[in-house]
Amino acid sequence: MSHTPPLSAPRLCLPVTLRRTIPESFTILAWRAVDLTIENGARRYQRARHLRPLLPLGCPPHDMPEPDATRMVLSGLRRKLGHERRRARATPRAYDLNRHIALLQALRAEMRQWHRLQKKTY
């Protein structure tokens, strides 16, 4: 008498080449989805509204000239992103993926602002 697997555990009968490509394609799709999320958030980013929760003490004063304020914000976002990456490696339970994505959205939007300002000055 042959043993048949239970109905709740279906057998995976895929060719070897297909088994190798499935995780890779899922990984590519996941990265693409995250990148689209970051891009859409960067388009909707407003410094006055979104920066305070990310950099509570690092917000530039309102009277600071724009290139200096953007430079200050960029350095603060890079520093916070580094902290978040270290937190992800050290204690995965304390890591917050949504915060990481929000930092990347703000960084991408501020980098665009920085490039716009650089084009205006030259």
Protein backbone atom coordinates (compact mmCIF):
# COMPACT_ATOMS: atom_id res chain seq x y z
CA MET A 1 0.00 0.00 0.00
CA SER A 2 1.47 3.37 -0.99
CA HIS A 3 1.42 6.34 1.31
CA THR A 4 -0.39 9.38 -0.09
CA PRO A 5 0.19 12.81 1.37
CA PRO A 6 -2.71 14.46 3.22
CA LEU A 7 -4.89 16.88 1.30
CA SER A 8 -3.65 19.86 3.32
CA ALA A 9 -0.09 19.38 2.08
CA PRO A 10 -0.12 19.49 -1.72
CA ARG A 11 3.00 18.30 -3.50
CA LEU A 12 4.92 20.86 -5.50
CA CYS A 13 5.77 19.31 -8.86
CA LEU A 14 7.55 22.04 -10.76
CA PRO A 15 10.49 21.77 -13.15
CA VAL A 16 13.83 22.61 -11.57
CA THR A 17 14.27 25.71 -13.72
CA LEU A 18 10.89 27.08 -12.63
CA ARG A 19 11.64 26.42 -8.97
CA ARG A 20 14.82 28.47 -9.26
CA THR A 21 13.14 31.45 -10.92
CA ILE A 22 10.09 31.79 -8.69
CA PRO A 23 11.90 33.28 -5.66
CA GLU A 24 13.93 35.59 -7.88
CA SER A 25 10.86 36.90 -9.68
CA PHE A 26 9.02 37.40 -6.38
CA THR A 27 12.02 39.30 -5.07
CA ILE A 28 12.05 41.54 -8.12
CA LEU A 29 8.32 42.19 -7.79
CA ALA A 30 8.69 42.98 -4.09
CA TRP A 31 11.51 45.46 -4.73
CA ARG A 32 9.50 47.06 -7.54
CA ALA A 33 6.49 47.46 -5.23
CA VAL A 34 8.62 49.05 -2.51
CA ASP A 35 10.26 51.37 -5.03
CA LEU A 36 6.85 52.47 -6.35
CA THR A 37 5.70 53.12 -2.78
CA ILE A 38 8.76 55.26 -2.14
CA GLU A 39 8.33 57.13 -5.43
CA ASN A 40 4.63 57.87 -4.83
CA GLY A 41 5.36 59.07 -1.30
CA ALA A 42 8.19 61.27 -2.52
CA ARG A 43 5.84 62.95 -5.01
CA ARG A 44 3.34 63.76 -2.25
CA TYR A 45 5.97 64.85 0.27
CA GLN A 46 5.50 68.22 1.97
CA ARG A 47 8.31 69.32 4.24
CA ALA A 48 6.15 71.28 6.67
CA ARG A 49 3.79 68.36 7.17
CA HIS A 50 5.94 65.23 6.89
CA LEU A 51 9.34 66.19 8.27
CA ARG A 52 8.50 66.85 11.93
CA PRO A 53 7.66 63.19 12.81
CA LEU A 54 10.84 62.01 11.08
CA LEU A 55 13.25 64.66 12.41
CA PRO A 56 11.67 66.18 15.53
CA LEU A 57 14.75 68.16 16.54
CA GLY A 58 16.35 68.49 13.11
CA CYS A 59 13.80 70.72 11.40
CA PRO A 60 15.38 73.85 9.97
CA PRO A 61 14.27 77.26 11.25
CA HIS A 62 11.90 79.15 8.97
CA ASP A 63 14.31 82.04 8.46
CA MET A 64 17.14 79.81 7.18
CA PRO A 65 17.94 80.24 3.47
CA GLU A 66 16.64 77.39 1.30
CA PRO A 67 19.92 75.72 0.20
CA ASP A 68 21.17 75.61 3.79
CA ALA A 69 17.86 74.27 5.09
CA THR A 70 17.80 71.53 2.47
CA ARG A 71 21.40 70.59 3.26
CA MET A 72 20.54 70.40 6.98
CA VAL A 73 17.47 68.25 6.30
CA LEU A 74 19.41 65.91 4.00
CA SER A 75 22.12 65.31 6.57
CA GLY A 76 19.53 64.64 9.28
CA LEU A 77 17.61 62.21 7.06
CA ARG A 78 20.78 60.34 6.14
CA ARG A 79 21.75 60.09 9.80
CA LYS A 80 18.28 58.81 10.79
CA LEU A 81 18.30 56.32 7.91
CA GLY A 82 21.64 54.98 9.13
CA HIS A 83 20.19 54.58 12.64
CA GLU A 84 17.19 52.74 11.22
CA ARG A 85 19.40 50.36 9.21
CA ARG A 86 21.52 49.61 12.26
CA ARG A 87 18.37 49.01 14.30
CA ALA A 88 17.15 46.55 11.65
CA ARG A 89 20.39 44.55 11.90
CA ALA A 90 20.70 44.69 15.67
CA THR A 91 17.15 44.18 16.91
CA PRO A 92 14.71 43.16 14.16
CA ARG A 93 11.75 43.44 16.55
CA ALA A 94 12.43 47.13 17.11
CA TYR A 95 12.72 47.79 13.36
CA ASP A 96 9.85 49.63 11.70
CA LEU A 97 9.62 49.12 7.93
CA ASN A 98 7.06 51.93 7.57
CA ARG A 99 9.45 54.40 9.23
CA HIS A 100 12.25 53.25 6.94
CA ILE A 101 10.05 53.77 3.88
CA ALA A 102 8.97 57.21 5.16
CA LEU A 103 12.62 58.20 5.61
CA LEU A 104 13.43 57.06 2.07
CA GLN A 105 10.44 58.98 0.69
CA ALA A 106 11.53 62.16 2.45
CA LEU A 107 15.15 61.67 1.38
CA ARG A 108 14.18 61.19 -2.26
CA ALA A 109 11.95 64.30 -2.22
CA GLU A 110 14.60 66.42 -0.50
CA MET A 111 17.24 65.22 -2.98
CA ARG A 112 15.00 66.37 -5.82
CA GLN A 113 14.62 69.73 -4.10
CA TRP A 114 18.39 69.95 -3.70
CA HIS A 115 18.94 69.24 -7.41
CA ARG A 116 16.35 71.87 -8.36
CA LEU A 117 18.13 74.43 -6.19
CA GLN A 118 21.51 73.54 -7.70
CA LYS A 119 20.15 74.07 -11.22
CA LYS A 120 18.77 77.49 -10.23
CA THR A 121 22.10 78.70 -8.84
CA TYR A 122 24.12 77.78 -11.95
